Amino acid sequence: MKNIGVLGSGVVGQVLADGLIKHGYDVMRGTREPAKLAEWVKGAGSKASAGTFAEAARFGEAVVLAVKGSAAESAVDLCEGALAGKTVVDTTNPIADKPPENGVLHFFTGPNDSLMERLQKRAPAAHFVKAFSCVGSVSMIDPAFAGTKPTMFICGNDASAKAQTTSLLGELGWEVEDMGGVASARAIEPLCMLWCIPGMLRNQWTHAFKLLKGR
């Protein structure tokens, strides 16, 4: 795999695009307005380009979905079917447009639903894999935590897509735990709430999760 499409013009999209370029990948970022990424393309170098959502989806051998949760379904629609058969690393969380309550985010999904399940139903031929949803952008690439690798929890229905995502995450410095099929996103996505609480209450934003296993 050489080419990766990154859908999203925000901070998470830029951090992941820059990190993937650093690790040797060619990256096209997809956005509704490609012209607004001209400065990023200029600064990111020869491996960087920008296009529409559909163009970035066609460009990537794999695709990273890094848009605001409330825009995720429309972003998938704008890919015009180009996600079919591809690994789609889903970084999104269903954060509602409502202020946090005592440091706890509000989601627009319920406990028996997840955003990734909605996306998988919307693009059934794509191979969605949840990842990067339970950590802040500052730690997404080459995380450094006192000599130990933090854990990235993933899930998805396609075994080969999860294997591809696991390999990519390993390159980017993560230990990976496969939590099963797409319905497991119901458990993974709320980790974003837990991760955000120390930040909301104490301005602590540089932590990550680690799964400890007994013998």
N, C-alpha and C. Protein backbone atom coordinates (compact mmCIF):
# COMPACT_ATOMS: atom_id res chain seq x y z
N MET A 1 0.84 -1.20 0.00
CA MET A 1 0.00 0.00 0.00
C MET A 1 0.87 1.24 0.00
N LYS A 2 0.60 2.12 -0.95
CA LYS A 2 1.39 3.35 -1.08
C LYS A 2 0.54 4.61 -0.94
N ASN A 3 -0.66 4.58 -1.52
CA ASN A 3 -1.51 5.77 -1.56
C ASN A 3 -2.63 5.67 -0.54
N ILE A 4 -2.83 6.75 0.22
CA ILE A 4 -3.91 6.80 1.20
C ILE A 4 -4.70 8.09 1.02
N GLY A 5 -6.01 7.97 0.96
CA GLY A 5 -6.87 9.14 0.94
C GLY A 5 -7.29 9.49 2.35
N VAL A 6 -7.19 10.75 2.71
CA VAL A 6 -7.61 11.21 4.03
C VAL A 6 -8.76 12.20 3.83
N LEU A 7 -9.93 11.83 4.30
CA LEU A 7 -11.11 12.65 4.10
C LEU A 7 -11.29 13.57 5.30
N GLY A 8 -11.14 14.87 5.06
CA GLY A 8 -11.30 15.84 6.14
C GLY A 8 -10.27 16.93 6.09
N SER A 9 -10.70 18.16 6.31
CA SER A 9 -9.80 19.32 6.25
C SER A 9 -9.50 19.90 7.62
N GLY A 10 -9.92 19.22 8.69
CA GLY A 10 -9.69 19.71 10.04
C GLY A 10 -8.38 19.26 10.64
N VAL A 11 -8.24 19.46 11.93
CA VAL A 11 -6.99 19.16 12.64
C VAL A 11 -6.65 17.68 12.57
N VAL A 12 -7.61 16.80 12.84
CA VAL A 12 -7.33 15.37 12.82
C VAL A 12 -6.89 14.92 11.43
N GLY A 13 -7.58 15.41 10.40
CA GLY A 13 -7.17 15.07 9.04
C GLY A 13 -5.76 15.51 8.74
N GLN A 14 -5.40 16.72 9.17
CA GLN A 14 -4.05 17.21 8.90
C GLN A 14 -2.99 16.43 9.67
N VAL A 15 -3.26 16.14 10.94
CA VAL A 15 -2.29 15.39 11.74
C VAL A 15 -2.05 14.01 11.12
N LEU A 16 -3.11 13.33 10.75
CA LEU A 16 -2.95 12.00 10.18
C LEU A 16 -2.31 12.07 8.80
N ALA A 17 -2.69 13.04 7.99
CA ALA A 17 -2.06 13.19 6.67
C ALA A 17 -0.57 13.47 6.81
N ASP A 18 -0.21 14.40 7.69
CA ASP A 18 1.21 14.71 7.89
C ASP A 18 1.98 13.50 8.40
N GLY A 19 1.36 12.76 9.34
CA GLY A 19 2.02 11.59 9.88
C GLY A 19 2.21 10.50 8.85
N LEU A 20 1.22 10.28 8.01
CA LEU A 20 1.34 9.27 6.97
C LEU A 20 2.40 9.65 5.95
N ILE A 21 2.46 10.93 5.60
CA ILE A 21 3.53 11.39 4.70
C ILE A 21 4.89 11.17 5.34
N LYS A 22 5.00 11.48 6.61
CA LYS A 22 6.25 11.25 7.35
C LYS A 22 6.68 9.80 7.28
N HIS A 23 5.71 8.89 7.29
CA HIS A 23 6.00 7.47 7.26
C HIS A 23 6.08 6.92 5.83
N GLY A 24 6.13 7.80 4.83
CA GLY A 24 6.43 7.38 3.48
C GLY A 24 5.26 7.21 2.53
N TYR A 25 4.05 7.54 2.96
CA TYR A 25 2.88 7.36 2.11
C TYR A 25 2.60 8.61 1.28
N ASP A 26 2.00 8.40 0.11
CA ASP A 26 1.45 9.49 -0.67
C ASP A 26 0.02 9.72 -0.20
N VAL A 27 -0.33 10.95 0.04
CA VAL A 27 -1.62 11.27 0.66
C VAL A 27 -2.36 12.31 -0.15
N MET A 28 -3.63 12.02 -0.44
CA MET A 28 -4.54 13.03 -0.97
C MET A 28 -5.60 13.30 0.07
N ARG A 29 -5.74 14.55 0.46
CA ARG A 29 -6.80 14.93 1.40
C ARG A 29 -8.04 15.32 0.62
N GLY A 30 -9.18 14.82 1.07
CA GLY A 30 -10.44 15.13 0.44
C GLY A 30 -11.23 16.14 1.24
N THR A 31 -11.87 17.05 0.55
CA THR A 31 -12.64 18.11 1.19
C THR A 31 -13.68 18.62 0.21
N ARG A 32 -14.68 19.32 0.73
CA ARG A 32 -15.67 19.93 -0.15
C ARG A 32 -15.07 21.06 -0.97
N GLU A 33 -14.02 21.71 -0.46
CA GLU A 33 -13.39 22.84 -1.15
C GLU A 33 -11.88 22.61 -1.21
N PRO A 34 -11.39 21.85 -2.19
CA PRO A 34 -9.96 21.53 -2.28
C PRO A 34 -9.05 22.74 -2.29
N ALA A 35 -9.51 23.87 -2.81
CA ALA A 35 -8.65 25.05 -2.91
C ALA A 35 -8.20 25.54 -1.55
N LYS A 36 -9.00 25.30 -0.51
CA LYS A 36 -8.62 25.81 0.81
C LYS A 36 -7.47 25.02 1.42
N LEU A 37 -7.08 23.91 0.81
CA LEU A 37 -5.93 23.13 1.28
C LEU A 37 -4.67 23.41 0.47
N ALA A 38 -4.70 24.45 -0.35
CA ALA A 38 -3.54 24.75 -1.21
C ALA A 38 -2.28 25.02 -0.40
N GLU A 39 -2.41 25.77 0.69
CA GLU A 39 -1.24 26.07 1.51
C GLU A 39 -0.70 24.81 2.17
N TRP A 40 -1.59 23.93 2.61
CA TRP A 40 -1.12 22.67 3.20
C TRP A 40 -0.37 21.85 2.16
N VAL A 41 -0.91 21.74 0.95
CA VAL A 41 -0.24 20.97 -0.11
C VAL A 41 1.13 21.55 -0.38
N LYS A 42 1.21 22.85 -0.45
CA LYS A 42 2.50 23.51 -0.72
C LYS A 42 3.51 23.21 0.36
N GLY A 43 3.07 23.23 1.61
CA GLY A 43 4.00 23.00 2.72
C GLY A 43 4.32 21.55 2.97
N ALA A 44 3.41 20.65 2.59
CA ALA A 44 3.59 19.23 2.92
C ALA A 44 4.50 18.50 1.94
N GLY A 45 4.73 19.07 0.76
CA GLY A 45 5.70 18.48 -0.15
C GLY A 45 5.10 17.62 -1.25
N SER A 46 5.98 16.92 -1.96
CA SER A 46 5.61 16.23 -3.19
C SER A 46 4.67 15.05 -2.98
N LYS A 47 4.59 14.53 -1.78
CA LYS A 47 3.72 13.39 -1.52
C LYS A 47 2.29 13.81 -1.15
N ALA A 48 2.05 15.11 -1.14
CA ALA A 48 0.75 15.64 -0.71
C ALA A 48 -0.04 16.18 -1.89
N SER A 49 -1.36 15.97 -1.85
CA SER A 49 -2.25 16.56 -2.83
C SER A 49 -3.63 16.71 -2.18
N ALA A 50 -4.51 17.40 -2.86
CA ALA A 50 -5.87 17.62 -2.35
C ALA A 50 -6.86 17.46 -3.48
N GLY A 51 -8.07 17.04 -3.12
CA GLY A 51 -9.12 16.88 -4.11
C GLY A 51 -10.47 16.84 -3.42
N THR A 52 -11.47 16.47 -4.15
CA THR A 52 -12.79 16.30 -3.58
C THR A 52 -12.81 15.01 -2.75
N PHE A 53 -13.90 14.78 -2.03
CA PHE A 53 -14.03 13.53 -1.30
C PHE A 53 -13.95 12.34 -2.25
N ALA A 54 -14.64 12.42 -3.38
CA ALA A 54 -14.64 11.31 -4.33
C ALA A 54 -13.25 11.09 -4.92
N GLU A 55 -12.55 12.17 -5.24
CA GLU A 55 -11.20 12.04 -5.81
C GLU A 55 -10.25 11.40 -4.80
N ALA A 56 -10.31 11.82 -3.54
CA ALA A 56 -9.44 11.25 -2.52
C ALA A 56 -9.77 9.79 -2.27
N ALA A 57 -11.06 9.45 -2.30
CA ALA A 57 -11.47 8.06 -2.11
C ALA A 57 -10.98 7.18 -3.25
N ARG A 58 -11.02 7.70 -4.47
CA ARG A 58 -10.50 6.93 -5.61
C ARG A 58 -8.99 6.80 -5.56
N PHE A 59 -8.32 7.84 -5.09
CA PHE A 59 -6.86 7.86 -5.01
C PHE A 59 -6.33 6.82 -4.03
N GLY A 60 -6.97 6.66 -2.91
CA GLY A 60 -6.42 5.84 -1.84
C GLY A 60 -6.62 4.35 -2.05
N GLU A 61 -5.56 3.61 -1.83
CA GLU A 61 -5.71 2.16 -1.72
C GLU A 61 -6.44 1.82 -0.42
N ALA A 62 -6.27 2.68 0.55
CA ALA A 62 -7.07 2.69 1.77
C ALA A 62 -7.45 4.14 2.03
N VAL A 63 -8.49 4.33 2.85
CA VAL A 63 -9.01 5.68 3.09
C VAL A 63 -9.16 5.89 4.59
N VAL A 64 -8.86 7.09 5.05
CA VAL A 64 -9.06 7.48 6.44
C VAL A 64 -10.18 8.50 6.49
N LEU A 65 -11.22 8.21 7.25
CA LEU A 65 -12.34 9.14 7.41
C LEU A 65 -12.09 9.97 8.66
N ALA A 66 -11.81 11.26 8.48
CA ALA A 66 -11.42 12.13 9.60
C ALA A 66 -12.20 13.43 9.54
N VAL A 67 -13.52 13.31 9.52
CA VAL A 67 -14.39 14.48 9.51
C VAL A 67 -15.14 14.57 10.83
N LYS A 68 -15.81 15.68 11.07
CA LYS A 68 -16.68 15.82 12.22
C LYS A 68 -17.76 14.74 12.18
N GLY A 69 -18.08 14.18 13.33
CA GLY A 69 -19.03 13.07 13.35
C GLY A 69 -20.35 13.39 12.68
N SER A 70 -20.85 14.59 12.88
CA SER A 70 -22.13 14.98 12.30
C SER A 70 -22.07 15.10 10.78
N ALA A 71 -20.86 15.17 10.22
CA ALA A 71 -20.69 15.27 8.77
C ALA A 71 -20.27 13.95 8.13
N ALA A 72 -20.12 12.90 8.93
CA ALA A 72 -19.54 11.66 8.43
C ALA A 72 -20.41 10.99 7.38
N GLU A 73 -21.71 10.94 7.62
CA GLU A 73 -22.57 10.25 6.66
C GLU A 73 -22.61 10.98 5.32
N SER A 74 -22.66 12.31 5.34
CA SER A 74 -22.65 13.05 4.08
C SER A 74 -21.31 12.93 3.38
N ALA A 75 -20.21 12.85 4.14
CA ALA A 75 -18.88 12.67 3.53
C ALA A 75 -18.81 11.33 2.80
N VAL A 76 -19.36 10.29 3.42
CA VAL A 76 -19.39 8.98 2.77
C VAL A 76 -20.21 9.06 1.48
N ASP A 77 -21.35 9.74 1.52
CA ASP A 77 -22.17 9.90 0.31
C ASP A 77 -21.40 10.61 -0.80
N LEU A 78 -20.61 11.61 -0.42
CA LEU A 78 -19.86 12.40 -1.41
C LEU A 78 -18.72 11.62 -2.05
N CYS A 79 -18.40 10.46 -1.51
CA CYS A 79 -17.36 9.61 -2.13
C CYS A 79 -17.88 8.89 -3.37
N GLU A 80 -19.16 8.96 -3.61
CA GLU A 80 -19.77 8.47 -4.85
C GLU A 80 -19.45 7.01 -5.14
N GLY A 81 -19.48 6.18 -4.11
CA GLY A 81 -19.26 4.76 -4.31
C GLY A 81 -17.81 4.33 -4.38
N ALA A 82 -16.88 5.28 -4.28
CA ALA A 82 -15.46 4.96 -4.46
C ALA A 82 -14.85 4.25 -3.26
N LEU A 83 -15.61 4.10 -2.17
CA LEU A 83 -15.09 3.39 -0.99
C LEU A 83 -15.31 1.89 -1.11
N ALA A 84 -16.04 1.44 -2.08
CA ALA A 84 -16.37 0.02 -2.21
C ALA A 84 -15.12 -0.84 -2.30
N GLY A 85 -15.06 -1.88 -1.47
CA GLY A 85 -13.95 -2.81 -1.49
C GLY A 85 -12.69 -2.32 -0.78
N LYS A 86 -12.72 -1.12 -0.23
CA LYS A 86 -11.53 -0.55 0.39
C LYS A 86 -11.63 -0.54 1.92
N THR A 87 -10.46 -0.61 2.56
CA THR A 87 -10.39 -0.37 3.99
C THR A 87 -10.65 1.11 4.24
N VAL A 88 -11.59 1.39 5.14
CA VAL A 88 -11.90 2.77 5.52
C VAL A 88 -11.67 2.88 7.03
N VAL A 89 -10.59 3.53 7.41
CA VAL A 89 -10.27 3.72 8.82
C VAL A 89 -11.14 4.86 9.34
N ASP A 90 -12.05 4.52 10.23
CA ASP A 90 -13.05 5.47 10.71
C ASP A 90 -12.61 6.06 12.05
N THR A 91 -12.21 7.32 12.03
CA THR A 91 -11.75 8.00 13.24
C THR A 91 -12.86 8.77 13.95
N THR A 92 -14.07 8.76 13.40
CA THR A 92 -15.11 9.69 13.83
C THR A 92 -15.78 9.27 15.13
N ASN A 93 -16.34 10.26 15.81
CA ASN A 93 -17.16 10.04 17.00
C ASN A 93 -18.46 10.81 16.86
N PRO A 94 -19.56 10.27 17.38
CA PRO A 94 -20.87 10.91 17.22
C PRO A 94 -21.13 12.01 18.25
N ILE A 95 -20.27 13.01 18.28
CA ILE A 95 -20.37 14.08 19.26
C ILE A 95 -21.47 15.05 18.85
N ALA A 96 -22.42 15.26 19.74
CA ALA A 96 -23.56 16.14 19.45
C ALA A 96 -23.16 17.60 19.58
N ASP A 97 -23.91 18.45 18.89
CA ASP A 97 -23.71 19.90 18.99
C ASP A 97 -24.40 20.43 20.24
N LYS A 98 -23.86 20.03 21.38
CA LYS A 98 -24.42 20.41 22.67
C LYS A 98 -23.27 20.50 23.65
N PRO A 99 -23.24 21.48 24.53
CA PRO A 99 -22.11 21.63 25.45
C PRO A 99 -21.95 20.42 26.36
N PRO A 100 -20.70 20.07 26.73
CA PRO A 100 -20.49 18.98 27.69
C PRO A 100 -21.18 19.27 29.02
N GLU A 101 -21.52 18.22 29.71
CA GLU A 101 -22.16 18.34 31.02
C GLU A 101 -21.24 17.76 32.08
N ASN A 102 -20.69 18.64 32.94
CA ASN A 102 -19.71 18.21 33.95
C ASN A 102 -18.54 17.45 33.32
N GLY A 103 -18.11 17.95 32.17
CA GLY A 103 -16.97 17.35 31.47
C GLY A 103 -17.31 16.17 30.59
N VAL A 104 -18.59 15.80 30.52
CA VAL A 104 -18.99 14.62 29.74
C VAL A 104 -19.66 15.07 28.44
N LEU A 105 -19.11 14.60 27.32
CA LEU A 105 -19.68 14.93 26.02
C LEU A 105 -21.06 14.30 25.84
N HIS A 106 -21.85 14.90 24.97
CA HIS A 106 -23.12 14.32 24.54
C HIS A 106 -22.92 13.67 23.17
N PHE A 107 -23.49 12.48 22.99
CA PHE A 107 -23.47 11.79 21.71
C PHE A 107 -24.86 11.87 21.07
N PHE A 108 -24.91 11.81 19.73
CA PHE A 108 -26.20 11.75 19.06
C PHE A 108 -26.62 10.31 18.74
N THR A 109 -25.84 9.35 19.21
CA THR A 109 -26.22 7.94 19.13
C THR A 109 -26.58 7.45 20.53
N GLY A 110 -27.23 6.30 20.59
CA GLY A 110 -27.58 5.71 21.87
C GLY A 110 -26.69 4.53 22.21
N PRO A 111 -26.93 3.88 23.34
CA PRO A 111 -26.06 2.79 23.77
C PRO A 111 -26.11 1.55 22.89
N ASN A 112 -27.18 1.40 22.12
CA ASN A 112 -27.32 0.24 21.24
C ASN A 112 -27.17 0.61 19.78
N ASP A 113 -26.35 1.62 19.55
CA ASP A 113 -26.11 2.14 18.20
C ASP A 113 -24.72 2.74 18.19
N SER A 114 -24.16 2.92 17.02
CA SER A 114 -22.87 3.60 16.90
C SER A 114 -22.83 4.30 15.56
N LEU A 115 -21.97 5.30 15.46
CA LEU A 115 -21.82 6.00 14.19
C LEU A 115 -21.25 5.07 13.13
N MET A 116 -20.29 4.22 13.50
CA MET A 116 -19.70 3.36 12.48
C MET A 116 -20.71 2.36 11.92
N GLU A 117 -21.62 1.89 12.76
CA GLU A 117 -22.67 1.02 12.23
C GLU A 117 -23.52 1.75 11.20
N ARG A 118 -23.81 3.00 11.46
CA ARG A 118 -24.59 3.79 10.50
C ARG A 118 -23.81 3.96 9.20
N LEU A 119 -22.50 4.19 9.31
CA LEU A 119 -21.68 4.37 8.11
C LEU A 119 -21.58 3.07 7.33
N GLN A 120 -21.44 1.96 8.02
CA GLN A 120 -21.34 0.67 7.34
C GLN A 120 -22.63 0.35 6.59
N LYS A 121 -23.77 0.69 7.17
CA LYS A 121 -25.04 0.49 6.48
C LYS A 121 -25.16 1.42 5.27
N ARG A 122 -24.60 2.59 5.39
CA ARG A 122 -24.70 3.58 4.31
C ARG A 122 -23.81 3.20 3.12
N ALA A 123 -22.68 2.55 3.40
CA ALA A 123 -21.75 2.12 2.35
C ALA A 123 -21.40 0.65 2.60
N PRO A 124 -22.34 -0.27 2.34
CA PRO A 124 -22.15 -1.67 2.72
C PRO A 124 -20.99 -2.37 2.05
N ALA A 125 -20.54 -1.87 0.90
CA ALA A 125 -19.42 -2.51 0.21
C ALA A 125 -18.06 -2.03 0.71
N ALA A 126 -18.04 -1.01 1.55
CA ALA A 126 -16.78 -0.53 2.15
C ALA A 126 -16.46 -1.37 3.38
N HIS A 127 -15.17 -1.40 3.73
CA HIS A 127 -14.72 -2.20 4.88
C HIS A 127 -14.27 -1.25 6.00
N PHE A 128 -15.23 -0.81 6.81
CA PHE A 128 -14.93 0.15 7.87
C PHE A 128 -14.20 -0.52 9.03
N VAL A 129 -13.20 0.19 9.56
CA VAL A 129 -12.47 -0.24 10.75
C VAL A 129 -12.35 0.97 11.67
N LYS A 130 -12.89 0.84 12.87
CA LYS A 130 -12.81 1.94 13.84
C LYS A 130 -11.39 2.03 14.39
N ALA A 131 -10.81 3.23 14.39
CA ALA A 131 -9.48 3.46 14.96
C ALA A 131 -9.29 4.96 15.17
N PHE A 132 -8.36 5.32 16.04
CA PHE A 132 -8.00 6.71 16.34
C PHE A 132 -9.12 7.50 17.03
N SER A 133 -10.20 6.84 17.43
CA SER A 133 -11.34 7.56 17.98
C SER A 133 -11.24 7.79 19.48
N CYS A 134 -10.28 7.15 20.14
CA CYS A 134 -10.20 7.24 21.60
C CYS A 134 -8.89 7.87 22.07
N VAL A 135 -8.35 8.78 21.26
CA VAL A 135 -7.12 9.48 21.64
C VAL A 135 -7.12 10.85 20.96
N GLY A 136 -6.43 11.81 21.54
CA GLY A 136 -6.34 13.13 20.94
C GLY A 136 -5.35 13.17 19.79
N SER A 137 -5.51 14.15 18.93
CA SER A 137 -4.67 14.23 17.73
C SER A 137 -3.19 14.37 18.05
N VAL A 138 -2.86 14.97 19.19
CA VAL A 138 -1.45 15.17 19.54
C VAL A 138 -0.71 13.86 19.71
N SER A 139 -1.43 12.78 20.01
CA SER A 139 -0.79 11.48 20.26
C SER A 139 -1.08 10.45 19.18
N MET A 140 -1.68 10.83 18.08
CA MET A 140 -2.08 9.84 17.08
C MET A 140 -0.89 9.23 16.34
N ILE A 141 0.15 10.01 16.12
CA ILE A 141 1.30 9.54 15.35
C ILE A 141 2.51 9.41 16.28
N ASP A 142 3.14 8.24 16.28
CA ASP A 142 4.34 7.97 17.08
C ASP A 142 4.14 8.40 18.54
N PRO A 143 3.14 7.87 19.22
CA PRO A 143 2.88 8.26 20.61
C PRO A 143 4.05 7.88 21.52
N ALA A 144 4.36 8.76 22.45
CA ALA A 144 5.48 8.53 23.37
C ALA A 144 4.97 8.54 24.80
N PHE A 145 4.99 7.38 25.45
CA PHE A 145 4.50 7.26 26.81
C PHE A 145 5.47 6.43 27.64
N ALA A 146 6.58 7.04 28.02
CA ALA A 146 7.56 6.43 28.93
C ALA A 146 7.94 5.02 28.53
N GLY A 147 8.21 4.86 27.24
CA GLY A 147 8.73 3.58 26.77
C GLY A 147 7.71 2.49 26.54
N THR A 148 6.43 2.76 26.73
CA THR A 148 5.40 1.75 26.49
C THR A 148 4.47 2.20 25.37
N LYS A 149 4.00 1.26 24.59
CA LYS A 149 3.07 1.59 23.53
C LYS A 149 1.65 1.61 24.07
N PRO A 150 0.90 2.65 23.78
CA PRO A 150 -0.51 2.66 24.19
C PRO A 150 -1.32 1.73 23.30
N THR A 151 -2.54 1.45 23.73
CA THR A 151 -3.42 0.52 23.01
C THR A 151 -4.41 1.27 22.15
N MET A 152 -4.50 0.85 20.89
CA MET A 152 -5.56 1.34 20.01
C MET A 152 -6.58 0.22 19.83
N PHE A 153 -7.81 0.50 20.21
CA PHE A 153 -8.89 -0.46 20.06
C PHE A 153 -9.51 -0.31 18.68
N ILE A 154 -9.64 -1.43 17.97
CA ILE A 154 -10.23 -1.40 16.65
C ILE A 154 -11.39 -2.39 16.58
N CYS A 155 -12.26 -2.21 15.61
CA CYS A 155 -13.29 -3.20 15.32
C CYS A 155 -13.74 -3.02 13.88
N GLY A 156 -14.37 -4.04 13.36
CA GLY A 156 -14.87 -4.01 11.99
C GLY A 156 -15.24 -5.41 11.55
N ASN A 157 -15.97 -5.52 10.46
CA ASN A 157 -16.46 -6.82 10.02
C ASN A 157 -15.51 -7.58 9.11
N ASP A 158 -14.57 -6.88 8.48
CA ASP A 158 -13.71 -7.51 7.48
C ASP A 158 -12.33 -7.81 8.06
N ALA A 159 -11.96 -9.08 8.08
CA ALA A 159 -10.69 -9.48 8.70
C ALA A 159 -9.48 -8.90 7.98
N SER A 160 -9.51 -8.86 6.65
CA SER A 160 -8.35 -8.35 5.92
C SER A 160 -8.20 -6.85 6.13
N ALA A 161 -9.32 -6.14 6.22
CA ALA A 161 -9.25 -4.69 6.48
C ALA A 161 -8.69 -4.43 7.87
N LYS A 162 -9.07 -5.25 8.84
CA LYS A 162 -8.53 -5.08 10.19
C LYS A 162 -7.04 -5.42 10.22
N ALA A 163 -6.63 -6.42 9.45
CA ALA A 163 -5.20 -6.75 9.39
C ALA A 163 -4.41 -5.60 8.76
N GLN A 164 -4.96 -5.00 7.71
CA GLN A 164 -4.29 -3.86 7.07
C GLN A 164 -4.19 -2.68 8.03
N THR A 165 -5.27 -2.44 8.76
CA THR A 165 -5.27 -1.34 9.73
C THR A 165 -4.30 -1.62 10.87
N THR A 166 -4.26 -2.86 11.33
CA THR A 166 -3.33 -3.24 12.40
C THR A 166 -1.89 -3.01 11.98
N SER A 167 -1.56 -3.38 10.75
CA SER A 167 -0.21 -3.17 10.24
C SER A 167 0.13 -1.68 10.18
N LEU A 168 -0.81 -0.88 9.70
CA LEU A 168 -0.59 0.56 9.62
C LEU A 168 -0.41 1.16 11.01
N LEU A 169 -1.26 0.77 11.95
CA LEU A 169 -1.14 1.29 13.31
C LEU A 169 0.18 0.91 13.94
N GLY A 170 0.66 -0.30 13.65
CA GLY A 170 1.96 -0.71 14.15
C GLY A 170 3.07 0.20 13.64
N GLU A 171 3.00 0.57 12.36
CA GLU A 171 3.98 1.49 11.80
C GLU A 171 3.94 2.83 12.51
N LEU A 172 2.76 3.24 12.93
CA LEU A 172 2.58 4.56 13.55
C LEU A 172 2.79 4.54 15.06
N GLY A 173 3.21 3.38 15.60
CA GLY A 173 3.63 3.32 17.00
C GLY A 173 2.62 2.78 17.99
N TRP A 174 1.60 2.05 17.50
CA TRP A 174 0.53 1.59 18.38
C TRP A 174 0.54 0.08 18.60
N GLU A 175 0.13 -0.31 19.79
CA GLU A 175 -0.27 -1.68 20.08
C GLU A 175 -1.76 -1.76 19.75
N VAL A 176 -2.20 -2.86 19.16
CA VAL A 176 -3.57 -2.94 18.66
C VAL A 176 -4.33 -4.08 19.34
N GLU A 177 -5.57 -3.80 19.70
CA GLU A 177 -6.47 -4.83 20.22
C GLU A 177 -7.73 -4.86 19.36
N ASP A 178 -7.96 -6.00 18.74
CA ASP A 178 -9.14 -6.20 17.90
C ASP A 178 -10.31 -6.59 18.79
N MET A 179 -11.34 -5.75 18.81
CA MET A 179 -12.48 -5.96 19.69
C MET A 179 -13.68 -6.57 18.98
N GLY A 180 -13.49 -7.06 17.75
CA GLY A 180 -14.56 -7.78 17.10
C GLY A 180 -15.20 -7.03 15.95
N GLY A 181 -16.50 -7.31 15.73
CA GLY A 181 -17.21 -6.77 14.60
C GLY A 181 -17.67 -5.33 14.78
N VAL A 182 -18.39 -4.85 13.78
CA VAL A 182 -18.75 -3.43 13.73
C VAL A 182 -19.59 -3.00 14.94
N ALA A 183 -20.39 -3.92 15.49
CA ALA A 183 -21.22 -3.54 16.64
C ALA A 183 -20.38 -3.16 17.85
N SER A 184 -19.12 -3.59 17.90
CA SER A 184 -18.25 -3.23 19.02
C SER A 184 -17.90 -1.75 19.04
N ALA A 185 -18.19 -1.05 17.95
CA ALA A 185 -18.03 0.41 17.96
C ALA A 185 -18.93 1.06 19.00
N ARG A 186 -19.99 0.36 19.42
CA ARG A 186 -20.85 0.88 20.48
C ARG A 186 -20.08 1.03 21.79
N ALA A 187 -19.04 0.22 21.97
CA ALA A 187 -18.20 0.31 23.17
C ALA A 187 -16.98 1.19 22.95
N ILE A 188 -16.43 1.17 21.74
CA ILE A 188 -15.20 1.93 21.47
C ILE A 188 -15.48 3.42 21.38
N GLU A 189 -16.53 3.81 20.68
CA GLU A 189 -16.78 5.24 20.50
C GLU A 189 -16.96 5.98 21.82
N PRO A 190 -17.65 5.42 22.83
CA PRO A 190 -17.77 6.15 24.11
C PRO A 190 -16.46 6.32 24.86
N LEU A 191 -15.40 5.61 24.46
CA LEU A 191 -14.10 5.87 25.08
C LEU A 191 -13.64 7.30 24.83
N CYS A 192 -14.16 7.89 23.77
CA CYS A 192 -13.88 9.31 23.51
C CYS A 192 -14.39 10.16 24.66
N MET A 193 -15.57 9.84 25.18
CA MET A 193 -16.10 10.56 26.33
C MET A 193 -15.16 10.46 27.52
N LEU A 194 -14.73 9.23 27.80
CA LEU A 194 -13.85 9.00 28.94
C LEU A 194 -12.52 9.71 28.74
N TRP A 195 -11.98 9.63 27.52
CA TRP A 195 -10.69 10.27 27.24
C TRP A 195 -10.79 11.79 27.45
N CYS A 196 -11.91 12.38 27.09
CA CYS A 196 -12.05 13.84 27.15
C CYS A 196 -12.27 14.39 28.56
N ILE A 197 -12.74 13.57 29.49
CA ILE A 197 -13.08 14.09 30.82
C ILE A 197 -11.89 14.76 31.51
N PRO A 198 -10.70 14.16 31.57
CA PRO A 198 -9.57 14.86 32.21
C PRO A 198 -9.25 16.20 31.53
N GLY A 199 -9.45 16.25 30.21
CA GLY A 199 -9.22 17.52 29.51
C GLY A 199 -10.24 18.56 29.85
N MET A 200 -11.49 18.14 29.86
CA MET A 200 -12.57 19.08 30.16
C MET A 200 -12.50 19.61 31.59
N LEU A 201 -12.14 18.73 32.52
CA LEU A 201 -12.15 19.12 33.94
C LEU A 201 -10.82 19.69 34.41
N ARG A 202 -9.70 19.19 33.85
CA ARG A 202 -8.39 19.58 34.39
C ARG A 202 -7.40 20.03 33.32
N ASN A 203 -7.87 20.20 32.09
CA ASN A 203 -7.01 20.61 30.98
C ASN A 203 -5.86 19.63 30.74
N GLN A 204 -6.11 18.36 30.93
CA GLN A 204 -5.14 17.30 30.67
C GLN A 204 -5.53 16.59 29.38
N TRP A 205 -4.66 16.72 28.36
CA TRP A 205 -5.02 16.23 27.02
C TRP A 205 -3.96 15.31 26.42
N THR A 206 -3.02 14.85 27.21
CA THR A 206 -1.89 14.10 26.63
C THR A 206 -1.82 12.67 27.15
N HIS A 207 -2.95 12.03 27.34
CA HIS A 207 -3.00 10.68 27.85
C HIS A 207 -3.52 9.73 26.76
N ALA A 208 -3.41 8.43 27.03
CA ALA A 208 -3.94 7.42 26.13
C ALA A 208 -4.29 6.19 26.96
N PHE A 209 -5.01 5.26 26.34
CA PHE A 209 -5.42 4.04 27.05
C PHE A 209 -4.42 2.91 26.83
N LYS A 210 -4.33 2.03 27.82
CA LYS A 210 -3.47 0.85 27.74
C LYS A 210 -4.24 -0.34 28.30
N LEU A 211 -4.33 -1.42 27.52
CA LEU A 211 -4.98 -2.63 28.00
C LEU A 211 -3.93 -3.52 28.65
N LEU A 212 -4.11 -3.78 29.94
CA LEU A 212 -3.18 -4.64 30.68
C LEU A 212 -3.77 -6.04 30.78
N LYS A 213 -2.97 -7.04 30.50
CA LYS A 213 -3.44 -8.42 30.45
C LYS A 213 -2.79 -9.26 31.56
N GLY A 214 -3.62 -10.02 32.25
CA GLY A 214 -3.08 -10.94 33.24
C GLY A 214 -2.49 -12.18 32.56
N ARG A 215 -1.70 -12.89 33.30
CA ARG A 215 -1.08 -14.11 32.76
C ARG A 215 -2.04 -15.27 32.80
